[in-house]
Amino acid sequence: MRPDGLTLVPWYQGKALAWDVTVVDTLAQTYLQGSTNQVGCAANQAEENKRRKYEELEGRYLFCPVEFETYGVFGNEARELVEKIRRKVAARTGEPRSLSFLKQKISVEIQRGNAA
């Protein structure tokens, strides 16, 4: 059991960031009931499941489950991570549209199937 990625340099508080990305099918039987009642339910439920899966990483790494839904909804933790990355990119480049560019790139990769 390995996450998808790990930063080479510390991300926060001297710890590396580990992440695991999944695109969940909003209409899958597992998520359908919740998805009809709440936007983002499938992604957030998948994030909770992923956090339990990698709980042994707690303490050694900062772990972020990165979940997206097939219809483009970001999970709560994925949204927070993307916002942190956007702030870092904007601070380095001065580009105020960095969030739009980043979300567009993520959407393209999801459609290509590269995020799963």
PDB file of N, CA and C in Angstrom:
ATOM      1  N   MET A   1       0.849  -1.169   0.000  1.00  0.00           N
ATOM      2  CA  MET A   1       0.000   0.000   0.000  1.00  0.00           C
ATOM      3  C   MET A   1       0.895   1.232   0.000  1.00  0.00           C
ATOM      4  N   ARG A   2       0.874   1.975  -1.130  1.00  0.00           N
ATOM      5  CA  ARG A   2       1.676   3.180  -1.269  1.00  0.00           C
ATOM      6  C   ARG A   2       0.817   4.324  -1.779  1.00  0.00           C
ATOM      7  N   PRO A   3       1.047   5.521  -1.255  1.00  0.00           N
ATOM      8  CA  PRO A   3       0.348   6.683  -1.811  1.00  0.00           C
ATOM      9  C   PRO A   3       0.895   6.999  -3.202  1.00  0.00           C
ATOM     10  N   ASP A   4       0.187   7.861  -3.933  1.00  0.00           N
ATOM     11  CA  ASP A   4       0.595   8.226  -5.294  1.00  0.00           C
ATOM     12  C   ASP A   4       1.826   9.112  -5.335  1.00  0.00           C
ATOM     13  N   GLY A   5       2.010   9.940  -4.331  1.00  0.00           N
ATOM     14  CA  GLY A   5       3.121  10.874  -4.389  1.00  0.00           C
ATOM     15  C   GLY A   5       3.597  11.311  -3.027  1.00  0.00           C
ATOM     16  N   LEU A   6       4.807  11.891  -3.028  1.00  0.00           N
ATOM     17  CA  LEU A   6       5.432  12.369  -1.798  1.00  0.00           C
ATOM     18  C   LEU A   6       6.334  13.533  -2.172  1.00  0.00           C
ATOM     19  N   THR A   7       6.229  14.642  -1.459  1.00  0.00           N
ATOM     20  CA  THR A   7       7.096  15.778  -1.751  1.00  0.00           C
ATOM     21  C   THR A   7       8.527  15.450  -1.346  1.00  0.00           C
ATOM     22  N   LEU A   8       9.481  15.986  -2.087  1.00  0.00           N
ATOM     23  CA  LEU A   8      10.892  15.766  -1.785  1.00  0.00           C
ATOM     24  C   LEU A   8      11.392  16.699  -0.698  1.00  0.00           C
ATOM     25  N   VAL A   9      10.722  17.817  -0.551  1.00  0.00           N
ATOM     26  CA  VAL A   9      11.088  18.779   0.486  1.00  0.00           C
ATOM     27  C   VAL A   9       9.926  18.885   1.467  1.00  0.00           C
ATOM     28  N   PRO A  10      10.202  19.279   2.694  1.00  0.00           N
ATOM     29  CA  PRO A  10       9.104  19.402   3.667  1.00  0.00           C
ATOM     30  C   PRO A  10       8.021  20.354   3.168  1.00  0.00           C
ATOM     31  N   TRP A  11       6.788  19.984   3.418  1.00  0.00           N
ATOM     32  CA  TRP A  11       5.633  20.778   2.996  1.00  0.00           C
ATOM     33  C   TRP A  11       5.197  21.722   4.102  1.00  0.00           C
ATOM     34  N   TYR A  12       5.162  21.198   5.348  1.00  0.00           N
ATOM     35  CA  TYR A  12       4.677  21.985   6.479  1.00  0.00           C
ATOM     36  C   TYR A  12       5.194  21.337   7.761  1.00  0.00           C
ATOM     37  N   GLN A  13       5.629  22.141   8.697  1.00  0.00           N
ATOM     38  CA  GLN A  13       6.114  21.683  10.003  1.00  0.00           C
ATOM     39  C   GLN A  13       7.200  20.623   9.877  1.00  0.00           C
ATOM     40  N   GLY A  14       8.048  20.752   8.855  1.00  0.00           N
ATOM     41  CA  GLY A  14       9.160  19.842   8.671  1.00  0.00           C
ATOM     42  C   GLY A  14       8.800  18.470   8.141  1.00  0.00           C
ATOM     43  N   LYS A  15       7.540  18.272   7.743  1.00  0.00           N
ATOM     44  CA  LYS A  15       7.096  16.964   7.251  1.00  0.00           C
ATOM     45  C   LYS A  15       6.799  17.020   5.760  1.00  0.00           C
ATOM     46  N   ALA A  16       7.096  15.918   5.089  1.00  0.00           N
ATOM     47  CA  ALA A  16       6.768  15.792   3.671  1.00  0.00           C
ATOM     48  C   ALA A  16       5.265  15.556   3.527  1.00  0.00           C
ATOM     49  N   LEU A  17       4.739  15.950   2.394  1.00  0.00           N
ATOM     50  CA  LEU A  17       3.328  15.736   2.079  1.00  0.00           C
ATOM     51  C   LEU A  17       3.202  14.487   1.216  1.00  0.00           C
ATOM     52  N   ALA A  18       2.367  13.559   1.635  1.00  0.00           N
ATOM     53  CA  ALA A  18       2.028  12.372   0.836  1.00  0.00           C
ATOM     54  C   ALA A  18       0.584  12.514   0.398  1.00  0.00           C
ATOM     55  N   TRP A  19       0.282  12.058  -0.817  1.00  0.00           N
ATOM     56  CA  TRP A  19      -1.090  12.153  -1.304  1.00  0.00           C
ATOM     57  C   TRP A  19      -1.455  10.916  -2.115  1.00  0.00           C
ATOM     58  N   ASP A  20      -2.740  10.703  -2.231  1.00  0.00           N
ATOM     59  CA  ASP A  20      -3.267   9.622  -3.062  1.00  0.00           C
ATOM     60  C   ASP A  20      -4.497  10.172  -3.771  1.00  0.00           C
ATOM     61  N   VAL A  21      -4.512  10.067  -5.093  1.00  0.00           N
ATOM     62  CA  VAL A  21      -5.565  10.668  -5.919  1.00  0.00           C
ATOM     63  C   VAL A  21      -6.507   9.594  -6.450  1.00  0.00           C
ATOM     64  N   THR A  22      -7.797   9.873  -6.387  1.00  0.00           N
ATOM     65  CA  THR A  22      -8.810   8.993  -6.955  1.00  0.00           C
ATOM     66  C   THR A  22      -9.928   9.835  -7.548  1.00  0.00           C
ATOM     67  N   VAL A  23     -10.470   9.371  -8.651  1.00  0.00           N
ATOM     68  CA  VAL A  23     -11.671   9.967  -9.221  1.00  0.00           C
ATOM     69  C   VAL A  23     -12.796   8.971  -8.973  1.00  0.00           C
ATOM     70  N   VAL A  24     -13.793   9.392  -8.200  1.00  0.00           N
ATOM     71  CA  VAL A  24     -14.901   8.497  -7.866  1.00  0.00           C
ATOM     72  C   VAL A  24     -16.085   8.774  -8.790  1.00  0.00           C
ATOM     73  N   ASP A  25     -16.802   7.714  -9.116  1.00  0.00           N
ATOM     74  CA  ASP A  25     -17.974   7.824  -9.973  1.00  0.00           C
ATOM     75  C   ASP A  25     -19.170   8.249  -9.132  1.00  0.00           C
ATOM     76  N   THR A  26     -19.630   9.438  -9.366  1.00  0.00           N
ATOM     77  CA  THR A  26     -20.748  10.007  -8.617  1.00  0.00           C
ATOM     78  C   THR A  26     -21.987   9.122  -8.687  1.00  0.00           C
ATOM     79  N   LEU A  27     -22.157   8.398  -9.775  1.00  0.00           N
ATOM     80  CA  LEU A  27     -23.350   7.590  -9.986  1.00  0.00           C
ATOM     81  C   LEU A  27     -23.162   6.116  -9.606  1.00  0.00           C
ATOM     82  N   ALA A  28     -22.010   5.769  -9.043  1.00  0.00           N
ATOM     83  CA  ALA A  28     -21.794   4.393  -8.596  1.00  0.00           C
ATOM     84  C   ALA A  28     -22.767   4.076  -7.464  1.00  0.00           C
ATOM     85  N   GLN A  29     -23.200   2.843  -7.398  1.00  0.00           N
ATOM     86  CA  GLN A  29     -24.176   2.421  -6.390  1.00  0.00           C
ATOM     87  C   GLN A  29     -23.722   2.816  -4.978  1.00  0.00           C
ATOM     88  N   THR A  30     -22.428   2.706  -4.712  1.00  0.00           N
ATOM     89  CA  THR A  30     -21.877   3.035  -3.395  1.00  0.00           C
ATOM     90  C   THR A  30     -22.157   4.471  -2.990  1.00  0.00           C
ATOM     91  N   TYR A  31     -22.137   5.384  -3.949  1.00  0.00           N
ATOM     92  CA  TYR A  31     -22.239   6.813  -3.654  1.00  0.00           C
ATOM     93  C   TYR A  31     -23.563   7.438  -4.068  1.00  0.00           C
ATOM     94  N   LEU A  32     -24.382   6.731  -4.801  1.00  0.00           N
ATOM     95  CA  LEU A  32     -25.570   7.327  -5.417  1.00  0.00           C
ATOM     96  C   LEU A  32     -26.523   7.964  -4.407  1.00  0.00           C
ATOM     97  N   GLN A  33     -26.832   7.261  -3.338  1.00  0.00           N
ATOM     98  CA  GLN A  33     -27.776   7.798  -2.345  1.00  0.00           C
ATOM     99  C   GLN A  33     -27.279   9.124  -1.767  1.00  0.00           C
ATOM    100  N   GLY A  34     -26.027   9.153  -1.332  1.00  0.00           N
ATOM    101  CA  GLY A  34     -25.480  10.383  -0.760  1.00  0.00           C
ATOM    102  C   GLY A  34     -25.344  11.496  -1.770  1.00  0.00           C
ATOM    103  N   SER A  35     -24.974  11.127  -3.002  1.00  0.00           N
ATOM    104  CA  SER A  35     -24.771  12.130  -4.053  1.00  0.00           C
ATOM    105  C   SER A  35     -26.061  12.822  -4.446  1.00  0.00           C
ATOM    106  N   THR A  36     -27.191  12.122  -4.322  1.00  0.00           N
ATOM    107  CA  THR A  36     -28.458  12.758  -4.671  1.00  0.00           C
ATOM    108  C   THR A  36     -28.883  13.771  -3.614  1.00  0.00           C
ATOM    109  N   ASN A  37     -28.324  13.656  -2.413  1.00  0.00           N
ATOM    110  CA  ASN A  37     -28.701  14.557  -1.318  1.00  0.00           C
ATOM    111  C   ASN A  37     -27.709  15.693  -1.072  1.00  0.00           C
ATOM    112  N   GLN A  38     -26.439  15.481  -1.442  1.00  0.00           N
ATOM    113  CA  GLN A  38     -25.429  16.480  -1.116  1.00  0.00           C
ATOM    114  C   GLN A  38     -24.327  16.507  -2.168  1.00  0.00           C
ATOM    115  N   VAL A  39     -24.044  17.677  -2.687  1.00  0.00           N
ATOM    116  CA  VAL A  39     -22.960  17.847  -3.654  1.00  0.00           C
ATOM    117  C   VAL A  39     -21.636  17.535  -2.959  1.00  0.00           C
ATOM    118  N   GLY A  40     -20.821  16.730  -3.602  1.00  0.00           N
ATOM    119  CA  GLY A  40     -19.505  16.396  -3.060  1.00  0.00           C
ATOM    120  C   GLY A  40     -19.501  15.228  -2.097  1.00  0.00           C
ATOM    121  N   CYS A  41     -20.640  14.630  -1.870  1.00  0.00           N
ATOM    122  CA  CYS A  41     -20.747  13.532  -0.913  1.00  0.00           C
ATOM    123  C   CYS A  41     -19.831  12.368  -1.281  1.00  0.00           C
ATOM    124  N   ALA A  42     -19.810  11.991  -2.550  1.00  0.00           N
ATOM    125  CA  ALA A  42     -18.987  10.854  -2.980  1.00  0.00           C
ATOM    126  C   ALA A  42     -17.507  11.135  -2.746  1.00  0.00           C
ATOM    127  N   ALA A  43     -17.048  12.314  -3.131  1.00  0.00           N
ATOM    128  CA  ALA A  43     -15.637  12.662  -2.954  1.00  0.00           C
ATOM    129  C   ALA A  43     -15.273  12.726  -1.478  1.00  0.00           C
ATOM    130  N   ASN A  44     -16.132  13.328  -0.666  1.00  0.00           N
ATOM    131  CA  ASN A  44     -15.833  13.443   0.766  1.00  0.00           C
ATOM    132  C   ASN A  44     -15.845  12.078   1.454  1.00  0.00           C
ATOM    133  N   GLN A  45     -16.757  11.206   1.063  1.00  0.00           N
ATOM    134  CA  GLN A  45     -16.787   9.862   1.635  1.00  0.00           C
ATOM    135  C   GLN A  45     -15.530   9.086   1.232  1.00  0.00           C
ATOM    136  N   ALA A  46     -15.115   9.244  -0.019  1.00  0.00           N
ATOM    137  CA  ALA A  46     -13.901   8.580  -0.491  1.00  0.00           C
ATOM    138  C   ALA A  46     -12.662   9.114   0.244  1.00  0.00           C
ATOM    139  N   GLU A  47     -12.645  10.422   0.543  1.00  0.00           N
ATOM    140  CA  GLU A  47     -11.528  10.989   1.315  1.00  0.00           C
ATOM    141  C   GLU A  47     -11.458  10.363   2.702  1.00  0.00           C
ATOM    142  N   GLU A  48     -12.596  10.211   3.348  1.00  0.00           N
ATOM    143  CA  GLU A  48     -12.622   9.578   4.676  1.00  0.00           C
ATOM    144  C   GLU A  48     -12.094   8.146   4.603  1.00  0.00           C
ATOM    145  N   ASN A  49     -12.523   7.402   3.595  1.00  0.00           N
ATOM    146  CA  ASN A  49     -12.055   6.023   3.428  1.00  0.00           C
ATOM    147  C   ASN A  49     -10.551   5.973   3.191  1.00  0.00           C
ATOM    148  N   LYS A  50     -10.057   6.884   2.371  1.00  0.00           N
ATOM    149  CA  LYS A  50      -8.627   6.931   2.057  1.00  0.00           C
ATOM    150  C   LYS A  50      -7.816   7.320   3.291  1.00  0.00           C
ATOM    151  N   ARG A  51      -8.332   8.235   4.098  1.00  0.00           N
ATOM    152  CA  ARG A  51      -7.626   8.636   5.314  1.00  0.00           C
ATOM    153  C   ARG A  51      -7.469   7.434   6.257  1.00  0.00           C
ATOM    154  N   ARG A  52      -8.530   6.626   6.390  1.00  0.00           N
ATOM    155  CA  ARG A  52      -8.441   5.410   7.220  1.00  0.00           C
ATOM    156  C   ARG A  52      -7.421   4.427   6.646  1.00  0.00           C
ATOM    157  N   LYS A  53      -7.406   4.298   5.326  1.00  0.00           N
ATOM    158  CA  LYS A  53      -6.494   3.368   4.661  1.00  0.00           C
ATOM    159  C   LYS A  53      -5.033   3.702   4.967  1.00  0.00           C
ATOM    160  N   TYR A  54      -4.714   4.975   5.033  1.00  0.00           N
ATOM    161  CA  TYR A  54      -3.336   5.408   5.222  1.00  0.00           C
ATOM    162  C   TYR A  54      -3.058   5.950   6.625  1.00  0.00           C
ATOM    163  N   GLU A  55      -3.829   5.552   7.605  1.00  0.00           N
ATOM    164  CA  GLU A  55      -3.658   6.114   8.939  1.00  0.00           C
ATOM    165  C   GLU A  55      -2.278   5.823   9.530  1.00  0.00           C
ATOM    166  N   GLU A  56      -1.582   4.785   9.057  1.00  0.00           N
ATOM    167  CA  GLU A  56      -0.251   4.494   9.586  1.00  0.00           C
ATOM    168  C   GLU A  56       0.780   5.555   9.191  1.00  0.00           C
ATOM    169  N   LEU A  57       0.444   6.403   8.230  1.00  0.00           N
ATOM    170  CA  LEU A  57       1.349   7.480   7.836  1.00  0.00           C
ATOM    171  C   LEU A  57       1.301   8.659   8.798  1.00  0.00           C
ATOM    172  N   GLU A  58       0.224   8.756   9.586  1.00  0.00           N
ATOM    173  CA  GLU A  58       0.067   9.871  10.523  1.00  0.00           C
ATOM    174  C   GLU A  58       1.286   9.978  11.436  1.00  0.00           C
ATOM    175  N   GLY A  59       1.729  11.181  11.619  1.00  0.00           N
ATOM    176  CA  GLY A  59       2.871  11.433  12.482  1.00  0.00           C
ATOM    177  C   GLY A  59       4.175  11.527  11.706  1.00  0.00           C
ATOM    178  N   ARG A  60       4.356  10.657  10.712  1.00  0.00           N
ATOM    179  CA  ARG A  60       5.587  10.689   9.915  1.00  0.00           C
ATOM    180  C   ARG A  60       5.460  11.634   8.724  1.00  0.00           C
ATOM    181  N   TYR A  61       4.273  11.699   8.148  1.00  0.00           N
ATOM    182  CA  TYR A  61       4.015  12.523   6.972  1.00  0.00           C
ATOM    183  C   TYR A  61       2.720  13.301   7.167  1.00  0.00           C
ATOM    184  N   LEU A  62       2.545  14.321   6.368  1.00  0.00           N
ATOM    185  CA  LEU A  62       1.243  14.956   6.242  1.00  0.00           C
ATOM    186  C   LEU A  62       0.576  14.223   5.091  1.00  0.00           C
ATOM    187  N   PHE A  63      -0.582  13.640   5.316  1.00  0.00           N
ATOM    188  CA  PHE A  63      -1.258  12.894   4.261  1.00  0.00           C
ATOM    189  C   PHE A  63      -2.500  13.639   3.805  1.00  0.00           C
ATOM    190  N   CYS A  64      -2.694  13.681   2.491  1.00  0.00           N
ATOM    191  CA  CYS A  64      -3.881  14.328   1.926  1.00  0.00           C
ATOM    192  C   CYS A  64      -4.536  13.398   0.915  1.00  0.00           C
ATOM    193  N   PRO A  65      -5.737  12.929   1.227  1.00  0.00           N
ATOM    194  CA  PRO A  65      -6.480  12.200   0.213  1.00  0.00           C
ATOM    195  C   PRO A  65      -7.039  13.210  -0.789  1.00  0.00           C
ATOM    196  N   VAL A  66      -6.812  12.966  -2.069  1.00  0.00           N
ATOM    197  CA  VAL A  66      -7.239  13.899  -3.104  1.00  0.00           C
ATOM    198  C   VAL A  66      -8.293  13.193  -3.943  1.00  0.00           C
ATOM    199  N   GLU A  67      -9.551  13.563  -3.714  1.00  0.00           N
ATOM    200  CA  GLU A  67     -10.668  12.896  -4.378  1.00  0.00           C
ATOM    201  C   GLU A  67     -11.431  13.892  -5.237  1.00  0.00           C
ATOM    202  N   PHE A  68     -11.739  13.453  -6.436  1.00  0.00           N
ATOM    203  CA  PHE A  68     -12.559  14.222  -7.353  1.00  0.00           C
ATOM    204  C   PHE A  68     -13.730  13.342  -7.781  1.00  0.00           C
ATOM    205  N   GLU A  69     -14.844  13.964  -8.108  1.00  0.00           N
ATOM    206  CA  GLU A  69     -15.982  13.224  -8.641  1.00  0.00           C
ATOM    207  C   GLU A  69     -15.988  13.333 -10.162  1.00  0.00           C
ATOM    208  N   THR A  70     -16.618  12.362 -10.805  1.00  0.00           N
ATOM    209  CA  THR A  70     -16.642  12.333 -12.264  1.00  0.00           C
ATOM    210  C   THR A  70     -17.289  13.574 -12.870  1.00  0.00           C
ATOM    211  N   TYR A  71     -18.152  14.243 -12.120  1.00  0.00           N
ATOM    212  CA  TYR A  71     -18.790  15.449 -12.633  1.00  0.00           C
ATOM    213  C   TYR A  71     -18.074  16.724 -12.207  1.00  0.00           C
ATOM    214  N   GLY A  72     -16.805  16.572 -11.742  1.00  0.00           N
ATOM    215  CA  GLY A  72     -15.962  17.728 -11.508  1.00  0.00           C
ATOM    216  C   GLY A  72     -15.939  18.287 -10.102  1.00  0.00           C
ATOM    217  N   VAL A  73     -16.674  17.707  -9.179  1.00  0.00           N
ATOM    218  CA  VAL A  73     -16.678  18.213  -7.801  1.00  0.00           C
ATOM    219  C   VAL A  73     -15.407  17.756  -7.094  1.00  0.00           C
ATOM    220  N   PHE A  74     -14.770  18.664  -6.368  1.00  0.00           N
ATOM    221  CA  PHE A  74     -13.588  18.350  -5.576  1.00  0.00           C
ATOM    222  C   PHE A  74     -14.030  17.962  -4.167  1.00  0.00           C
ATOM    223  N   GLY A  75     -13.338  17.004  -3.558  1.00  0.00           N
ATOM    224  CA  GLY A  75     -13.544  16.714  -2.147  1.00  0.00           C
ATOM    225  C   GLY A  75     -13.021  17.879  -1.323  1.00  0.00           C
ATOM    226  N   ASN A  76     -13.426  17.961  -0.064  1.00  0.00           N
ATOM    227  CA  ASN A  76     -13.004  19.073   0.793  1.00  0.00           C
ATOM    228  C   ASN A  76     -11.486  19.173   0.907  1.00  0.00           C
ATOM    229  N   GLU A  77     -10.826  18.040   1.147  1.00  0.00           N
ATOM    230  CA  GLU A  77      -9.371  18.076   1.313  1.00  0.00           C
ATOM    231  C   GLU A  77      -8.669  18.369  -0.002  1.00  0.00           C
ATOM    232  N   ALA A  78      -9.201  17.859  -1.103  1.00  0.00           N
ATOM    233  CA  ALA A  78      -8.633  18.163  -2.419  1.00  0.00           C
ATOM    234  C   ALA A  78      -8.733  19.665  -2.695  1.00  0.00           C
ATOM    235  N   ARG A  79      -9.891  20.245  -2.383  1.00  0.00           N
ATOM    236  CA  ARG A  79     -10.087  21.687  -2.594  1.00  0.00           C
ATOM    237  C   ARG A  79      -9.096  22.501  -1.764  1.00  0.00           C
ATOM    238  N   GLU A  80      -8.882  22.099  -0.505  1.00  0.00           N
ATOM    239  CA  GLU A  80      -7.937  22.817   0.355  1.00  0.00           C
ATOM    240  C   GLU A  80      -6.510  22.702  -0.177  1.00  0.00           C
ATOM    241  N   LEU A  81      -6.122  21.510  -0.630  1.00  0.00           N
ATOM    242  CA  LEU A  81      -4.774  21.322  -1.168  1.00  0.00           C
ATOM    243  C   LEU A  81      -4.571  22.150  -2.427  1.00  0.00           C
ATOM    244  N   VAL A  82      -5.546  22.149  -3.318  1.00  0.00           N
ATOM    245  CA  VAL A  82      -5.450  22.930  -4.551  1.00  0.00           C
ATOM    246  C   VAL A  82      -5.332  24.417  -4.221  1.00  0.00           C
ATOM    247  N   GLU A  83      -6.059  24.877  -3.225  1.00  0.00           N
ATOM    248  CA  GLU A  83      -5.972  26.292  -2.824  1.00  0.00           C
ATOM    249  C   GLU A  83      -4.581  26.612  -2.271  1.00  0.00           C
ATOM    250  N   LYS A  84      -4.001  25.722  -1.487  1.00  0.00           N
ATOM    251  CA  LYS A  84      -2.644  25.951  -0.960  1.00  0.00           C
ATOM    252  C   LYS A  84      -1.626  26.001  -2.098  1.00  0.00           C
ATOM    253  N   ILE A  85      -1.769  25.101  -3.056  1.00  0.00           N
ATOM    254  CA  ILE A  85      -0.866  25.101  -4.214  1.00  0.00           C
ATOM    255  C   ILE A  85      -1.040  26.394  -5.002  1.00  0.00           C
ATOM    256  N   ARG A  86      -2.299  26.820  -5.185  1.00  0.00           N
ATOM    257  CA  ARG A  86      -2.556  28.064  -5.904  1.00  0.00           C
ATOM    258  C   ARG A  86      -1.873  29.255  -5.249  1.00  0.00           C
ATOM    259  N   ARG A  87      -1.975  29.322  -3.929  1.00  0.00           N
ATOM    260  CA  ARG A  87      -1.339  30.439  -3.219  1.00  0.00           C
ATOM    261  C   ARG A  87       0.170  30.426  -3.416  1.00  0.00           C
ATOM    262  N   LYS A  88       0.771  29.248  -3.378  1.00  0.00           N
ATOM    263  CA  LYS A  88       2.223  29.147  -3.584  1.00  0.00           C
ATOM    264  C   LYS A  88       2.605  29.564  -4.998  1.00  0.00           C
ATOM    265  N   VAL A  89       1.820  29.114  -5.986  1.00  0.00           N
ATOM    266  CA  VAL A  89       2.099  29.480  -7.378  1.00  0.00           C
ATOM    267  C   VAL A  89       1.920  30.983  -7.568  1.00  0.00           C
ATOM    268  N   ALA A  90       0.843  31.542  -7.038  1.00  0.00           N
ATOM    269  CA  ALA A  90       0.584  32.979  -7.187  1.00  0.00           C
ATOM    270  C   ALA A  90       1.678  33.808  -6.515  1.00  0.00           C
ATOM    271  N   ALA A  91       2.146  33.358  -5.363  1.00  0.00           N
ATOM    272  CA  ALA A  91       3.203  34.088  -4.662  1.00  0.00           C
ATOM    273  C   ALA A  91       4.513  34.079  -5.465  1.00  0.00           C
ATOM    274  N   ARG A  92       4.803  32.964  -6.119  1.00  0.00           N
ATOM    275  CA  ARG A  92       6.053  32.847  -6.895  1.00  0.00           C
ATOM    276  C   ARG A  92       5.965  33.556  -8.233  1.00  0.00           C
ATOM    277  N   THR A  93       4.793  33.487  -8.875  1.00  0.00           N
ATOM    278  CA  THR A  93       4.677  33.992 -10.242  1.00  0.00           C
ATOM    279  C   THR A  93       3.987  35.349 -10.340  1.00  0.00           C
ATOM    280  N   GLY A  94       3.197  35.687  -9.316  1.00  0.00           N
ATOM    281  CA  GLY A  94       2.419  36.917  -9.383  1.00  0.00           C
ATOM    282  C   GLY A  94       1.189  36.799 -10.278  1.00  0.00           C
ATOM    283  N   GLU A  95       0.863  35.582 -10.704  1.00  0.00           N
ATOM    284  CA  GLU A  95      -0.268  35.352 -11.611  1.00  0.00           C
ATOM    285  C   GLU A  95      -1.554  35.198 -10.812  1.00  0.00           C
ATOM    286  N   PRO A  96      -2.469  36.186 -10.892  1.00  0.00           N
ATOM    287  CA  PRO A  96      -3.715  36.119 -10.120  1.00  0.00           C
ATOM    288  C   PRO A  96      -4.691  35.054 -10.616  1.00  0.00           C
ATOM    289  N   ARG A  97      -4.511  34.567 -11.847  1.00  0.00           N
ATOM    290  CA  ARG A  97      -5.426  33.561 -12.395  1.00  0.00           C
ATOM    291  C   ARG A  97      -4.923  32.132 -12.178  1.00  0.00           C
ATOM    292  N   SER A  98      -3.975  31.957 -11.278  1.00  0.00           N
ATOM    293  CA  SER A  98      -3.358  30.642 -11.097  1.00  0.00           C
ATOM    294  C   SER A  98      -4.370  29.571 -10.687  1.00  0.00           C
ATOM    295  N   LEU A  99      -5.382  29.920  -9.891  1.00  0.00           N
ATOM    296  CA  LEU A  99      -6.384  28.930  -9.492  1.00  0.00           C
ATOM    297  C   LEU A  99      -7.170  28.443 -10.705  1.00  0.00           C
ATOM    298  N   SER A 100      -7.560  29.366 -11.575  1.00  0.00           N
ATOM    299  CA  SER A 100      -8.290  28.978 -12.784  1.00  0.00           C
ATOM    300  C   SER A 100      -7.445  28.065 -13.661  1.00  0.00           C
ATOM    301  N   PHE A 101      -6.182  28.401 -13.844  1.00  0.00           N
ATOM    302  CA  PHE A 101      -5.298  27.583 -14.664  1.00  0.00           C
ATOM    303  C   PHE A 101      -5.117  26.194 -14.056  1.00  0.00           C
ATOM    304  N   LEU A 102      -4.938  26.136 -12.743  1.00  0.00           N
ATOM    305  CA  LEU A 102      -4.731  24.868 -12.060  1.00  0.00           C
ATOM    306  C   LEU A 102      -5.972  23.980 -12.162  1.00  0.00           C
ATOM    307  N   LYS A 103      -7.154  24.553 -11.937  1.00  0.00           N
ATOM    308  CA  LYS A 103      -8.392  23.770 -12.040  1.00  0.00           C
ATOM    309  C   LYS A 103      -8.619  23.283 -13.467  1.00  0.00           C
ATOM    310  N   GLN A 104      -8.292  24.111 -14.456  1.00  0.00           N
ATOM    311  CA  GLN A 104      -8.431  23.684 -15.846  1.00  0.00           C
ATOM    312  C   GLN A 104      -7.526  22.494 -16.130  1.00  0.00           C
ATOM    313  N   LYS A 105      -6.303  22.550 -15.661  1.00  0.00           N
ATOM    314  CA  LYS A 105      -5.352  21.457 -15.878  1.00  0.00           C
ATOM    315  C   LYS A 105      -5.837  20.184 -15.187  1.00  0.00           C
ATOM    316  N   ILE A 106      -6.332  20.296 -13.978  1.00  0.00           N
ATOM    317  CA  ILE A 106      -6.848  19.136 -13.256  1.00  0.00           C
ATOM    318  C   ILE A 106      -8.036  18.538 -14.003  1.00  0.00           C
ATOM    319  N   SER A 107      -8.934  19.376 -14.479  1.00  0.00           N
ATOM    320  CA  SER A 107     -10.112  18.900 -15.220  1.00  0.00           C
ATOM    321  C   SER A 107      -9.714  18.138 -16.475  1.00  0.00           C
ATOM    322  N   VAL A 108      -8.735  18.655 -17.192  1.00  0.00           N
ATOM    323  CA  VAL A 108      -8.254  17.984 -18.405  1.00  0.00           C
ATOM    324  C   VAL A 108      -7.681  16.617 -18.047  1.00  0.00           C
ATOM    325  N   GLU A 109      -6.899  16.548 -16.991  1.00  0.00           N
ATOM    326  CA  GLU A 109      -6.288  15.277 -16.588  1.00  0.00           C
ATOM    327  C   GLU A 109      -7.349  14.272 -16.120  1.00  0.00           C
ATOM    328  N   ILE A 110      -8.379  14.746 -15.439  1.00  0.00           N
ATOM    329  CA  ILE A 110      -9.472  13.862 -15.022  1.00  0.00           C
ATOM    330  C   ILE A 110     -10.163  13.289 -16.260  1.00  0.00           C
ATOM    331  N   GLN A 111     -10.440  14.143 -17.243  1.00  0.00           N
ATOM    332  CA  GLN A 111     -11.106  13.677 -18.458  1.00  0.00           C
ATOM    333  C   GLN A 111     -10.249  12.673 -19.226  1.00  0.00           C
ATOM    334  N   ARG A 112      -8.938  12.862 -19.185  1.00  0.00           N
ATOM    335  CA  ARG A 112      -8.019  11.925 -19.860  1.00  0.00           C
ATOM    336  C   ARG A 112      -7.850  10.633 -19.075  1.00  0.00           C
ATOM    337  N   GLY A 113      -8.261  10.666 -17.805  1.00  0.00           N
ATOM    338  CA  GLY A 113      -8.102   9.480 -16.971  1.00  0.00           C
ATOM    339  C   GLY A 113      -6.741   9.403 -16.294  1.00  0.00           C
ATOM    340  N   ASN A 114      -5.992  10.508 -16.272  1.00  0.00           N
ATOM    341  CA  ASN A 114      -4.650  10.497 -15.675  1.00  0.00           C
ATOM    342  C   ASN A 114      -4.643  10.749 -14.185  1.00  0.00           C
ATOM    343  N   ALA A 115      -5.779  11.130 -13.613  1.00  0.00           N
ATOM    344  CA  ALA A 115      -5.795  11.445 -12.184  1.00  0.00           C
ATOM    345  C   ALA A 115      -6.076  10.205 -11.343  1.00  0.00           C
ATOM    346  N   ALA A 116      -6.563   9.156 -11.939  1.00  0.00           N
ATOM    347  CA  ALA A 116      -6.916   7.965 -11.166  1.00  0.00           C
ATOM    348  C   ALA A 116      -5.774   6.981 -11.120  1.00  0.00           C
TER     349      ALA A 116
END
